[in-house]
Amino acid sequence: MSDKTTVSLGTALDIMHAAGLKERLQSALAKKPHIVLISDKVERADTAGLQLIYAFKQEVEKQNKQLSWQKPTNGLIEASKSLGLYEHLGL
């Protein structure tokens, strides 16, 4: 049995999808010690979406769990860099 659980970020990591994503992230956190964010379809990301991921990452670390990214898109990487969150998000 794997010690990982995955969460797909979908195509938009933005304020319109933040509430639903927050629920999925919280559910994943309760399941396994390693959460993998599948980010290969993210076309756009805004401040709210990236702040949600940053807060989630902090909670993961607080619980001594692990977070990793699977195939982050250029759009996600560029958005995180422009907001100064690239390193904080572990990208």
PDB file of N, CA and C in Angstrom:
ATOM      1  N   MET A   1       0.839  -1.185   0.000  1.00  0.00           N
ATOM      2  CA  MET A   1       0.000   0.000   0.000  1.00  0.00           C
ATOM      3  C   MET A   1       0.884   1.248   0.000  1.00  0.00           C
ATOM      4  N   SER A   2       0.562   2.191  -0.814  1.00  0.00           N
ATOM      5  CA  SER A   2       1.354   3.409  -0.946  1.00  0.00           C
ATOM      6  C   SER A   2       1.099   4.365   0.225  1.00  0.00           C
ATOM      7  N   ASP A   3       2.135   5.108   0.561  1.00  0.00           N
ATOM      8  CA  ASP A   3       1.998   6.105   1.612  1.00  0.00           C
ATOM      9  C   ASP A   3       1.714   7.490   1.032  1.00  0.00           C
ATOM     10  N   LYS A   4       1.334   7.514  -0.251  1.00  0.00           N
ATOM     11  CA  LYS A   4       1.067   8.780  -0.939  1.00  0.00           C
ATOM     12  C   LYS A   4      -0.408   8.899  -1.295  1.00  0.00           C
ATOM     13  N   THR A   5      -0.857  10.148  -1.305  1.00  0.00           N
ATOM     14  CA  THR A   5      -2.166  10.453  -1.857  1.00  0.00           C
ATOM     15  C   THR A   5      -1.985  11.622  -2.816  1.00  0.00           C
ATOM     16  N   THR A   6      -2.788  11.670  -3.840  1.00  0.00           N
ATOM     17  CA  THR A   6      -2.643  12.711  -4.854  1.00  0.00           C
ATOM     18  C   THR A   6      -3.846  13.651  -4.851  1.00  0.00           C
ATOM     19  N   VAL A   7      -3.563  14.894  -5.236  1.00  0.00           N
ATOM     20  CA  VAL A   7      -4.612  15.897  -5.402  1.00  0.00           C
ATOM     21  C   VAL A   7      -4.357  16.588  -6.731  1.00  0.00           C
ATOM     22  N   SER A   8      -5.319  16.511  -7.623  1.00  0.00           N
ATOM     23  CA  SER A   8      -5.209  17.214  -8.892  1.00  0.00           C
ATOM     24  C   SER A   8      -5.620  18.670  -8.691  1.00  0.00           C
ATOM     25  N   LEU A   9      -4.789  19.576  -9.170  1.00  0.00           N
ATOM     26  CA  LEU A   9      -5.085  21.000  -9.053  1.00  0.00           C
ATOM     27  C   LEU A   9      -5.963  21.503 -10.192  1.00  0.00           C
ATOM     28  N   GLY A  10      -6.224  20.663 -11.177  1.00  0.00           N
ATOM     29  CA  GLY A  10      -7.077  21.060 -12.292  1.00  0.00           C
ATOM     30  C   GLY A  10      -6.409  22.075 -13.197  1.00  0.00           C
ATOM     31  N   THR A  11      -7.230  22.847 -13.921  1.00  0.00           N
ATOM     32  CA  THR A  11      -6.681  23.813 -14.869  1.00  0.00           C
ATOM     33  C   THR A  11      -6.545  25.215 -14.287  1.00  0.00           C
ATOM     34  N   ALA A  12      -7.291  25.491 -13.220  1.00  0.00           N
ATOM     35  CA  ALA A  12      -7.270  26.835 -12.649  1.00  0.00           C
ATOM     36  C   ALA A  12      -7.042  26.783 -11.142  1.00  0.00           C
ATOM     37  N   LEU A  13      -5.942  27.353 -10.739  1.00  0.00           N
ATOM     38  CA  LEU A  13      -5.606  27.469  -9.330  1.00  0.00           C
ATOM     39  C   LEU A  13      -5.887  28.919  -8.955  1.00  0.00           C
ATOM     40  N   ASP A  14      -7.189  29.205  -8.778  1.00  0.00           N
ATOM     41  CA  ASP A  14      -7.596  30.598  -8.580  1.00  0.00           C
ATOM     42  C   ASP A  14      -8.696  30.711  -7.531  1.00  0.00           C
ATOM     43  N   ILE A  15      -9.113  31.926  -7.277  1.00  0.00           N
ATOM     44  CA  ILE A  15     -10.082  32.197  -6.223  1.00  0.00           C
ATOM     45  C   ILE A  15     -11.421  31.494  -6.473  1.00  0.00           C
ATOM     46  N   MET A  16     -11.792  31.332  -7.718  1.00  0.00           N
ATOM     47  CA  MET A  16     -13.066  30.683  -8.041  1.00  0.00           C
ATOM     48  C   MET A  16     -13.087  29.207  -7.640  1.00  0.00           C
ATOM     49  N   HIS A  17     -11.925  28.594  -7.565  1.00  0.00           N
ATOM     50  CA  HIS A  17     -11.837  27.169  -7.258  1.00  0.00           C
ATOM     51  C   HIS A  17     -11.228  26.903  -5.880  1.00  0.00           C
ATOM     52  N   ALA A  18     -10.915  27.951  -5.139  1.00  0.00           N
ATOM     53  CA  ALA A  18     -10.200  27.808  -3.868  1.00  0.00           C
ATOM     54  C   ALA A  18     -10.976  27.012  -2.826  1.00  0.00           C
ATOM     55  N   ALA A  19     -12.268  27.252  -2.678  1.00  0.00           N
ATOM     56  CA  ALA A  19     -13.050  26.562  -1.641  1.00  0.00           C
ATOM     57  C   ALA A  19     -13.075  25.052  -1.875  1.00  0.00           C
ATOM     58  N   GLY A  20     -13.339  24.648  -3.103  1.00  0.00           N
ATOM     59  CA  GLY A  20     -13.363  23.216  -3.414  1.00  0.00           C
ATOM     60  C   GLY A  20     -12.000  22.575  -3.258  1.00  0.00           C
ATOM     61  N   LEU A  21     -10.978  23.293  -3.685  1.00  0.00           N
ATOM     62  CA  LEU A  21      -9.619  22.771  -3.554  1.00  0.00           C
ATOM     63  C   LEU A  21      -9.236  22.641  -2.089  1.00  0.00           C
ATOM     64  N   LYS A  22      -9.623  23.605  -1.280  1.00  0.00           N
ATOM     65  CA  LYS A  22      -9.301  23.549   0.152  1.00  0.00           C
ATOM     66  C   LYS A  22      -9.872  22.276   0.778  1.00  0.00           C
ATOM     67  N   GLU A  23     -11.091  21.932   0.438  1.00  0.00           N
ATOM     68  CA  GLU A  23     -11.711  20.710   0.958  1.00  0.00           C
ATOM     69  C   GLU A  23     -10.937  19.470   0.530  1.00  0.00           C
ATOM     70  N   ARG A  24     -10.537  19.419  -0.733  1.00  0.00           N
ATOM     71  CA  ARG A  24      -9.781  18.265  -1.234  1.00  0.00           C
ATOM     72  C   ARG A  24      -8.413  18.158  -0.568  1.00  0.00           C
ATOM     73  N   LEU A  25      -7.774  19.307  -0.339  1.00  0.00           N
ATOM     74  CA  LEU A  25      -6.468  19.317   0.321  1.00  0.00           C
ATOM     75  C   LEU A  25      -6.588  18.827   1.762  1.00  0.00           C
ATOM     76  N   GLN A  26      -7.604  19.300   2.471  1.00  0.00           N
ATOM     77  CA  GLN A  26      -7.803  18.877   3.858  1.00  0.00           C
ATOM     78  C   GLN A  26      -8.079  17.383   3.938  1.00  0.00           C
ATOM     79  N   SER A  27      -8.848  16.879   3.009  1.00  0.00           N
ATOM     80  CA  SER A  27      -9.131  15.450   2.962  1.00  0.00           C
ATOM     81  C   SER A  27      -7.851  14.652   2.721  1.00  0.00           C
ATOM     82  N   ALA A  28      -7.018  15.119   1.802  1.00  0.00           N
ATOM     83  CA  ALA A  28      -5.760  14.434   1.500  1.00  0.00           C
ATOM     84  C   ALA A  28      -4.834  14.441   2.704  1.00  0.00           C
ATOM     85  N   LEU A  29      -4.821  15.529   3.431  1.00  0.00           N
ATOM     86  CA  LEU A  29      -3.945  15.650   4.597  1.00  0.00           C
ATOM     87  C   LEU A  29      -4.294  14.617   5.665  1.00  0.00           C
ATOM     88  N   ALA A  30      -5.556  14.267   5.755  1.00  0.00           N
ATOM     89  CA  ALA A  30      -6.000  13.293   6.760  1.00  0.00           C
ATOM     90  C   ALA A  30      -5.703  11.849   6.348  1.00  0.00           C
ATOM     91  N   LYS A  31      -5.336  11.633   5.085  1.00  0.00           N
ATOM     92  CA  LYS A  31      -5.199  10.268   4.583  1.00  0.00           C
ATOM     93  C   LYS A  31      -3.797   9.684   4.690  1.00  0.00           C
ATOM     94  N   LYS A  32      -2.825  10.349   4.142  1.00  0.00           N
ATOM     95  CA  LYS A  32      -1.488   9.758   3.993  1.00  0.00           C
ATOM     96  C   LYS A  32      -0.407  10.757   4.413  1.00  0.00           C
ATOM     97  N   PRO A  33       0.802  10.264   4.696  1.00  0.00           N
ATOM     98  CA  PRO A  33       1.879  11.161   5.119  1.00  0.00           C
ATOM     99  C   PRO A  33       2.571  11.909   3.976  1.00  0.00           C
ATOM    100  N   HIS A  34       2.259  11.570   2.742  1.00  0.00           N
ATOM    101  CA  HIS A  34       2.886  12.228   1.595  1.00  0.00           C
ATOM    102  C   HIS A  34       1.791  12.624   0.604  1.00  0.00           C
ATOM    103  N   ILE A  35       1.682  13.925   0.356  1.00  0.00           N
ATOM    104  CA  ILE A  35       0.680  14.441  -0.577  1.00  0.00           C
ATOM    105  C   ILE A  35       1.391  14.901  -1.842  1.00  0.00           C
ATOM    106  N   VAL A  36       0.913  14.458  -2.986  1.00  0.00           N
ATOM    107  CA  VAL A  36       1.471  14.843  -4.275  1.00  0.00           C
ATOM    108  C   VAL A  36       0.452  15.731  -4.982  1.00  0.00           C
ATOM    109  N   LEU A  37       0.877  16.942  -5.312  1.00  0.00           N
ATOM    110  CA  LEU A  37       0.011  17.871  -6.044  1.00  0.00           C
ATOM    111  C   LEU A  37       0.233  17.676  -7.535  1.00  0.00           C
ATOM    112  N   ILE A  38      -0.780  17.179  -8.209  1.00  0.00           N
ATOM    113  CA  ILE A  38      -0.692  16.964  -9.655  1.00  0.00           C
ATOM    114  C   ILE A  38      -1.042  18.281 -10.329  1.00  0.00           C
ATOM    115  N   SER A  39      -0.044  18.862 -10.959  1.00  0.00           N
ATOM    116  CA  SER A  39      -0.200  20.224 -11.470  1.00  0.00           C
ATOM    117  C   SER A  39       0.117  20.344 -12.957  1.00  0.00           C
ATOM    118  N   ASP A  40      -0.055  19.260 -13.675  1.00  0.00           N
ATOM    119  CA  ASP A  40       0.295  19.245 -15.095  1.00  0.00           C
ATOM    120  C   ASP A  40      -0.736  19.901 -16.009  1.00  0.00           C
ATOM    121  N   LYS A  41      -1.887  20.302 -15.446  1.00  0.00           N
ATOM    122  CA  LYS A  41      -2.925  20.930 -16.267  1.00  0.00           C
ATOM    123  C   LYS A  41      -3.197  22.389 -15.886  1.00  0.00           C
ATOM    124  N   VAL A  42      -2.471  22.903 -14.903  1.00  0.00           N
ATOM    125  CA  VAL A  42      -2.721  24.264 -14.425  1.00  0.00           C
ATOM    126  C   VAL A  42      -2.391  25.259 -15.534  1.00  0.00           C
ATOM    127  N   GLU A  43      -3.417  25.981 -15.975  1.00  0.00           N
ATOM    128  CA  GLU A  43      -3.246  26.996 -17.014  1.00  0.00           C
ATOM    129  C   GLU A  43      -3.098  28.388 -16.418  1.00  0.00           C
ATOM    130  N   ARG A  44      -3.744  28.599 -15.260  1.00  0.00           N
ATOM    131  CA  ARG A  44      -3.641  29.911 -14.616  1.00  0.00           C
ATOM    132  C   ARG A  44      -3.682  29.740 -13.107  1.00  0.00           C
ATOM    133  N   ALA A  45      -3.011  30.662 -12.447  1.00  0.00           N
ATOM    134  CA  ALA A  45      -2.980  30.654 -10.986  1.00  0.00           C
ATOM    135  C   ALA A  45      -2.970  32.108 -10.523  1.00  0.00           C
ATOM    136  N   ASP A  46      -3.747  32.391  -9.485  1.00  0.00           N
ATOM    137  CA  ASP A  46      -3.765  33.748  -8.950  1.00  0.00           C
ATOM    138  C   ASP A  46      -3.277  33.749  -7.508  1.00  0.00           C
ATOM    139  N   THR A  47      -3.269  34.921  -6.917  1.00  0.00           N
ATOM    140  CA  THR A  47      -2.765  35.084  -5.559  1.00  0.00           C
ATOM    141  C   THR A  47      -3.514  34.196  -4.572  1.00  0.00           C
ATOM    142  N   ALA A  48      -4.826  34.174  -4.652  1.00  0.00           N
ATOM    143  CA  ALA A  48      -5.625  33.376  -3.711  1.00  0.00           C
ATOM    144  C   ALA A  48      -5.293  31.888  -3.815  1.00  0.00           C
ATOM    145  N   GLY A  49      -5.179  31.391  -5.019  1.00  0.00           N
ATOM    146  CA  GLY A  49      -4.864  29.984  -5.215  1.00  0.00           C
ATOM    147  C   GLY A  49      -3.485  29.618  -4.684  1.00  0.00           C
ATOM    148  N   LEU A  50      -2.518  30.463  -4.961  1.00  0.00           N
ATOM    149  CA  LEU A  50      -1.163  30.180  -4.505  1.00  0.00           C
ATOM    150  C   LEU A  50      -1.026  30.368  -2.997  1.00  0.00           C
ATOM    151  N   GLN A  51      -1.758  31.316  -2.432  1.00  0.00           N
ATOM    152  CA  GLN A  51      -1.748  31.481  -0.978  1.00  0.00           C
ATOM    153  C   GLN A  51      -2.350  30.254  -0.297  1.00  0.00           C
ATOM    154  N   LEU A  52      -3.381  29.699  -0.883  1.00  0.00           N
ATOM    155  CA  LEU A  52      -3.987  28.486  -0.345  1.00  0.00           C
ATOM    156  C   LEU A  52      -2.968  27.351  -0.325  1.00  0.00           C
ATOM    157  N   ILE A  53      -2.239  27.178  -1.403  1.00  0.00           N
ATOM    158  CA  ILE A  53      -1.224  26.123  -1.461  1.00  0.00           C
ATOM    159  C   ILE A  53      -0.115  26.398  -0.447  1.00  0.00           C
ATOM    160  N   TYR A  54       0.272  27.657  -0.292  1.00  0.00           N
ATOM    161  CA  TYR A  54       1.314  27.994   0.682  1.00  0.00           C
ATOM    162  C   TYR A  54       0.859  27.673   2.108  1.00  0.00           C
ATOM    163  N   ALA A  55      -0.366  28.045   2.443  1.00  0.00           N
ATOM    164  CA  ALA A  55      -0.900  27.738   3.778  1.00  0.00           C
ATOM    165  C   ALA A  55      -0.989  26.225   3.982  1.00  0.00           C
ATOM    166  N   PHE A  56      -1.381  25.520   2.938  1.00  0.00           N
ATOM    167  CA  PHE A  56      -1.456  24.064   3.010  1.00  0.00           C
ATOM    168  C   PHE A  56      -0.067  23.464   3.237  1.00  0.00           C
ATOM    169  N   LYS A  57       0.911  23.964   2.524  1.00  0.00           N
ATOM    170  CA  LYS A  57       2.286  23.474   2.677  1.00  0.00           C
ATOM    171  C   LYS A  57       2.759  23.672   4.113  1.00  0.00           C
ATOM    172  N   GLN A  58       2.440  24.807   4.696  1.00  0.00           N
ATOM    173  CA  GLN A  58       2.824  25.057   6.086  1.00  0.00           C
ATOM    174  C   GLN A  58       2.164  24.044   7.025  1.00  0.00           C
ATOM    175  N   GLU A  59       0.899  23.733   6.780  1.00  0.00           N
ATOM    176  CA  GLU A  59       0.193  22.749   7.610  1.00  0.00           C
ATOM    177  C   GLU A  59       0.788  21.355   7.433  1.00  0.00           C
ATOM    178  N   VAL A  60       1.154  21.009   6.224  1.00  0.00           N
ATOM    179  CA  VAL A  60       1.788  19.724   5.953  1.00  0.00           C
ATOM    180  C   VAL A  60       3.078  19.608   6.775  1.00  0.00           C
ATOM    181  N   GLU A  61       3.886  20.653   6.739  1.00  0.00           N
ATOM    182  CA  GLU A  61       5.147  20.641   7.475  1.00  0.00           C
ATOM    183  C   GLU A  61       4.905  20.592   8.988  1.00  0.00           C
ATOM    184  N   LYS A  62       3.893  21.308   9.448  1.00  0.00           N
ATOM    185  CA  LYS A  62       3.558  21.308  10.875  1.00  0.00           C
ATOM    186  C   LYS A  62       3.208  19.902  11.359  1.00  0.00           C
ATOM    187  N   GLN A  63       2.584  19.131  10.497  1.00  0.00           N
ATOM    188  CA  GLN A  63       2.190  17.765  10.836  1.00  0.00           C
ATOM    189  C   GLN A  63       3.274  16.729  10.492  1.00  0.00           C
ATOM    190  N   ASN A  64       4.456  17.225  10.152  1.00  0.00           N
ATOM    191  CA  ASN A  64       5.586  16.349   9.798  1.00  0.00           C
ATOM    192  C   ASN A  64       5.267  15.408   8.649  1.00  0.00           C
ATOM    193  N   LYS A  65       4.537  15.941   7.684  1.00  0.00           N
ATOM    194  CA  LYS A  65       4.225  15.181   6.479  1.00  0.00           C
ATOM    195  C   LYS A  65       5.005  15.774   5.320  1.00  0.00           C
ATOM    196  N   GLN A  66       4.839  15.198   4.157  1.00  0.00           N
ATOM    197  CA  GLN A  66       5.615  15.610   2.993  1.00  0.00           C
ATOM    198  C   GLN A  66       4.703  16.057   1.857  1.00  0.00           C
ATOM    199  N   LEU A  67       5.160  17.085   1.139  1.00  0.00           N
ATOM    200  CA  LEU A  67       4.421  17.601  -0.009  1.00  0.00           C
ATOM    201  C   LEU A  67       5.359  17.616  -1.206  1.00  0.00           C
ATOM    202  N   SER A  68       4.869  17.158  -2.339  1.00  0.00           N
ATOM    203  CA  SER A  68       5.662  17.244  -3.564  1.00  0.00           C
ATOM    204  C   SER A  68       4.760  17.600  -4.740  1.00  0.00           C
ATOM    205  N   TRP A  69       5.398  18.034  -5.799  1.00  0.00           N
ATOM    206  CA  TRP A  69       4.713  18.470  -7.012  1.00  0.00           C
ATOM    207  C   TRP A  69       4.941  17.450  -8.115  1.00  0.00           C
ATOM    208  N   GLN A  70       3.916  17.235  -8.929  1.00  0.00           N
ATOM    209  CA  GLN A  70       4.064  16.390 -10.107  1.00  0.00           C
ATOM    210  C   GLN A  70       3.817  17.242 -11.337  1.00  0.00           C
ATOM    211  N   LYS A  71       4.849  17.435 -12.118  1.00  0.00           N
ATOM    212  CA  LYS A  71       4.800  18.124 -13.412  1.00  0.00           C
ATOM    213  C   LYS A  71       4.168  19.516 -13.360  1.00  0.00           C
ATOM    214  N   PRO A  72       4.715  20.439 -12.563  1.00  0.00           N
ATOM    215  CA  PRO A  72       4.154  21.800 -12.573  1.00  0.00           C
ATOM    216  C   PRO A  72       4.319  22.454 -13.953  1.00  0.00           C
ATOM    217  N   THR A  73       3.276  23.133 -14.384  1.00  0.00           N
ATOM    218  CA  THR A  73       3.300  23.778 -15.693  1.00  0.00           C
ATOM    219  C   THR A  73       4.108  25.070 -15.642  1.00  0.00           C
ATOM    220  N   ASN A  74       4.487  25.543 -16.818  1.00  0.00           N
ATOM    221  CA  ASN A  74       5.198  26.819 -16.901  1.00  0.00           C
ATOM    222  C   ASN A  74       4.342  27.957 -16.364  1.00  0.00           C
ATOM    223  N   GLY A  75       3.028  27.915 -16.615  1.00  0.00           N
ATOM    224  CA  GLY A  75       2.126  28.952 -16.119  1.00  0.00           C
ATOM    225  C   GLY A  75       2.124  29.023 -14.602  1.00  0.00           C
ATOM    226  N   LEU A  76       2.106  27.862 -13.963  1.00  0.00           N
ATOM    227  CA  LEU A  76       2.150  27.801 -12.507  1.00  0.00           C
ATOM    228  C   LEU A  76       3.487  28.315 -11.982  1.00  0.00           C
ATOM    229  N   ILE A  77       4.552  27.897 -12.589  1.00  0.00           N
ATOM    230  CA  ILE A  77       5.884  28.326 -12.162  1.00  0.00           C
ATOM    231  C   ILE A  77       6.035  29.836 -12.320  1.00  0.00           C
ATOM    232  N   GLU A  78       5.627  30.359 -13.456  1.00  0.00           N
ATOM    233  CA  GLU A  78       5.755  31.799 -13.693  1.00  0.00           C
ATOM    234  C   GLU A  78       4.890  32.617 -12.729  1.00  0.00           C
ATOM    235  N   ALA A  79       3.668  32.163 -12.469  1.00  0.00           N
ATOM    236  CA  ALA A  79       2.792  32.872 -11.527  1.00  0.00           C
ATOM    237  C   ALA A  79       3.408  32.881 -10.135  1.00  0.00           C
ATOM    238  N   SER A  80       3.959  31.745  -9.723  1.00  0.00           N
ATOM    239  CA  SER A  80       4.559  31.674  -8.383  1.00  0.00           C
ATOM    240  C   SER A  80       5.800  32.558  -8.287  1.00  0.00           C
ATOM    241  N   LYS A  81       6.562  32.645  -9.368  1.00  0.00           N
ATOM    242  CA  LYS A  81       7.740  33.523  -9.371  1.00  0.00           C
ATOM    243  C   LYS A  81       7.327  34.984  -9.314  1.00  0.00           C
ATOM    244  N   SER A  82       6.315  35.349 -10.079  1.00  0.00           N
ATOM    245  CA  SER A  82       5.901  36.757 -10.116  1.00  0.00           C
ATOM    246  C   SER A  82       5.337  37.218  -8.775  1.00  0.00           C
ATOM    247  N   LEU A  83       4.814  36.285  -7.979  1.00  0.00           N
ATOM    248  CA  LEU A  83       4.273  36.631  -6.659  1.00  0.00           C
ATOM    249  C   LEU A  83       5.288  36.406  -5.538  1.00  0.00           C
ATOM    250  N   GLY A  84       6.494  35.973  -5.901  1.00  0.00           N
ATOM    251  CA  GLY A  84       7.533  35.754  -4.913  1.00  0.00           C
ATOM    252  C   GLY A  84       7.309  34.513  -4.057  1.00  0.00           C
ATOM    253  N   LEU A  85       6.553  33.539  -4.580  1.00  0.00           N
ATOM    254  CA  LEU A  85       6.231  32.345  -3.807  1.00  0.00           C
ATOM    255  C   LEU A  85       6.910  31.070  -4.330  1.00  0.00           C
ATOM    256  N   TYR A  86       7.671  31.203  -5.381  1.00  0.00           N
ATOM    257  CA  TYR A  86       8.273  30.027  -6.022  1.00  0.00           C
ATOM    258  C   TYR A  86       9.024  29.147  -5.015  1.00  0.00           C
ATOM    259  N   GLU A  87       9.961  29.719  -4.310  1.00  0.00           N
ATOM    260  CA  GLU A  87      10.755  28.946  -3.352  1.00  0.00           C
ATOM    261  C   GLU A  87       9.925  28.511  -2.151  1.00  0.00           C
ATOM    262  N   HIS A  88       9.026  29.383  -1.700  1.00  0.00           N
ATOM    263  CA  HIS A  88       8.192  29.053  -0.543  1.00  0.00           C
ATOM    264  C   HIS A  88       7.275  27.865  -0.819  1.00  0.00           C
ATOM    265  N   LEU A  89       6.887  27.699  -2.070  1.00  0.00           N
ATOM    266  CA  LEU A  89       6.004  26.595  -2.440  1.00  0.00           C
ATOM    267  C   LEU A  89       6.773  25.308  -2.733  1.00  0.00           C
ATOM    268  N   GLY A  90       8.072  25.400  -2.770  1.00  0.00           N
ATOM    269  CA  GLY A  90       8.864  24.207  -3.047  1.00  0.00           C
ATOM    270  C   GLY A  90       8.869  23.819  -4.500  1.00  0.00           C
ATOM    271  N   LEU A  91       8.621  24.784  -5.366  1.00  0.00           N
ATOM    272  CA  LEU A  91       8.641  24.506  -6.803  1.00  0.00           C
ATOM    273  C   LEU A  91      10.080  24.586  -7.275  1.00  0.00           C
TER     274      LEU A  91
END
